[in-house]
Each structure stands twice: as structure tokens, then as C-alpha cells.
C-alpha atoms as a PDB file:
ATOM      1  CA  MET A   1      39.895  23.427 114.683  1.00  0.00           C
ATOM      2  CA  VAL A   2      40.381  20.676 113.052  1.00  0.00           C
ATOM      3  CA  ALA A   3      42.187  19.145 116.405  1.00  0.00           C
ATOM      4  CA  SER A   4      38.884  20.632 118.592  1.00  0.00           C
ATOM      5  CA  LEU A   5      36.571  18.670 115.797  1.00  0.00           C
ATOM      6  CA  LEU A   6      38.217  15.500 116.296  1.00  0.00           C
ATOM      7  CA  ARG A   7      38.223  15.064 119.975  1.00  0.00           C
ATOM      8  CA  HIS A   8      34.736  15.909 119.607  1.00  0.00           C
ATOM      9  CA  ARG A   9      33.858  12.949 117.464  1.00  0.00           C
ATOM     10  CA  SER A  10      31.004  10.661 117.874  1.00  0.00           C
ATOM     11  CA  PRO A  11      31.513   7.467 118.243  1.00  0.00           C
ATOM     12  CA  GLU A  12      28.995   6.901 115.748  1.00  0.00           C
ATOM     13  CA  SER A  13      30.889   9.180 113.023  1.00  0.00           C
ATOM     14  CA  LEU A  14      33.032   7.588 109.646  1.00  0.00           C
ATOM     15  CA  ARG A  15      36.512   7.264 109.553  1.00  0.00           C
ATOM     16  CA  ALA A  16      38.693   7.545 107.122  1.00  0.00           C
ATOM     17  CA  GLY A  17      38.643   3.829 105.032  1.00  0.00           C
ATOM     18  CA  ASP A  18      34.954   3.396 106.552  1.00  0.00           C
ATOM     19  CA  PRO A  19      32.088   1.784 103.958  1.00  0.00           C
ATOM     20  CA  ALA A  20      29.601   4.930 102.822  1.00  0.00           C
ATOM     21  CA  PRO A  21      26.121   4.165 104.853  1.00  0.00           C
ATOM     22  CA  ASP A  22      23.711   3.457 101.978  1.00  0.00           C
ATOM     23  CA  VAL A  23      21.964   6.622 101.466  1.00  0.00           C
ATOM     24  CA  SER A  24      19.005   7.666  98.999  1.00  0.00           C
ATOM     25  CA  LEU A  25      18.773  10.744  97.265  1.00  0.00           C
ATOM     26  CA  VAL A  26      16.765  13.081  94.941  1.00  0.00           C
ATOM     27  CA  ASP A  27      18.049  14.289  92.297  1.00  0.00           C
ATOM     28  CA  ALA A  28      17.475  17.828  90.327  1.00  0.00           C
ATOM     29  CA  ASP A  29      15.165  15.708  88.066  1.00  0.00           C
ATOM     30  CA  GLY A  30      13.191  14.364  91.094  1.00  0.00           C
ATOM     31  CA  ASN A  31      14.890  10.476  90.665  1.00  0.00           C
ATOM     32  CA  THR A  32      15.550   9.202  93.906  1.00  0.00           C
ATOM     33  CA  LEU A  33      19.338   7.030  93.221  1.00  0.00           C
ATOM     34  CA  ALA A  34      20.379   5.045  96.150  1.00  0.00           C
ATOM     35  CA  LEU A  35      24.443   4.490  96.680  1.00  0.00           C
ATOM     36  CA  HIS A  36      24.217   0.738  96.591  1.00  0.00           C
ATOM     37  CA  THR A  37      23.192   0.837  92.726  1.00  0.00           C
ATOM     38  CA  LEU A  38      25.602   3.023  92.124  1.00  0.00           C
ATOM     39  CA  LEU A  39      28.702   1.398  94.015  1.00  0.00           C
ATOM     40  CA  GLY A  40      30.489  -0.737  91.714  1.00  0.00           C
ATOM     41  CA  THR A  41      29.163   0.376  88.967  1.00  0.00           C
ATOM     42  CA  ARG A  42      31.052   3.994  88.824  1.00  0.00           C
ATOM     43  CA  PRO A  43      32.791   6.650  90.224  1.00  0.00           C
ATOM     44  CA  VAL A  44      30.867   8.060  93.283  1.00  0.00           C
ATOM     45  CA  LEU A  45      31.578  11.720  94.329  1.00  0.00           C
ATOM     46  CA  LEU A  46      29.005  13.132  96.691  1.00  0.00           C
ATOM     47  CA  VAL A  47      29.606  17.139  96.694  1.00  0.00           C
ATOM     48  CA  PHE A  48      27.693  19.539  99.631  1.00  0.00           C
ATOM     49  CA  GLY A  49      27.500  23.178  98.557  1.00  0.00           C
ATOM     50  CA  SER A  50      25.842  25.396  96.075  1.00  0.00           C
ATOM     51  CA  TYR A  51      26.836  26.015  92.754  1.00  0.00           C
ATOM     52  CA  THR A  52      24.541  29.398  92.471  1.00  0.00           C
END
């Protein structure tokens, strides 16, 4: 399955080592955080999923 996904990857897809695109997300308290404000100041980990 992984090989199939890699063959169909879009040319715009990120590859290992590519810089992350700047994104803005809303946290659990309703505050907007931009990735560029966090990079270089602390480690950044994006987790996609649910803890419930």
C-alpha cells in the first residue's frame, strides 16, 4: 500500500527534509498560532488524530 501511495504522490507533495509550509491553526483555547512564530524557538510537533 505504501508503494502505491508513493507512486501517486502529487508533484506538490512534501518530501522528507522539505521545510514545512507556514500554516495557522486555532488551539483549544481559540487562539490562532502561526507555525513561523514557533519555529526556532521550541520543538514543534503536529499530531493529527483524536485523543477521545
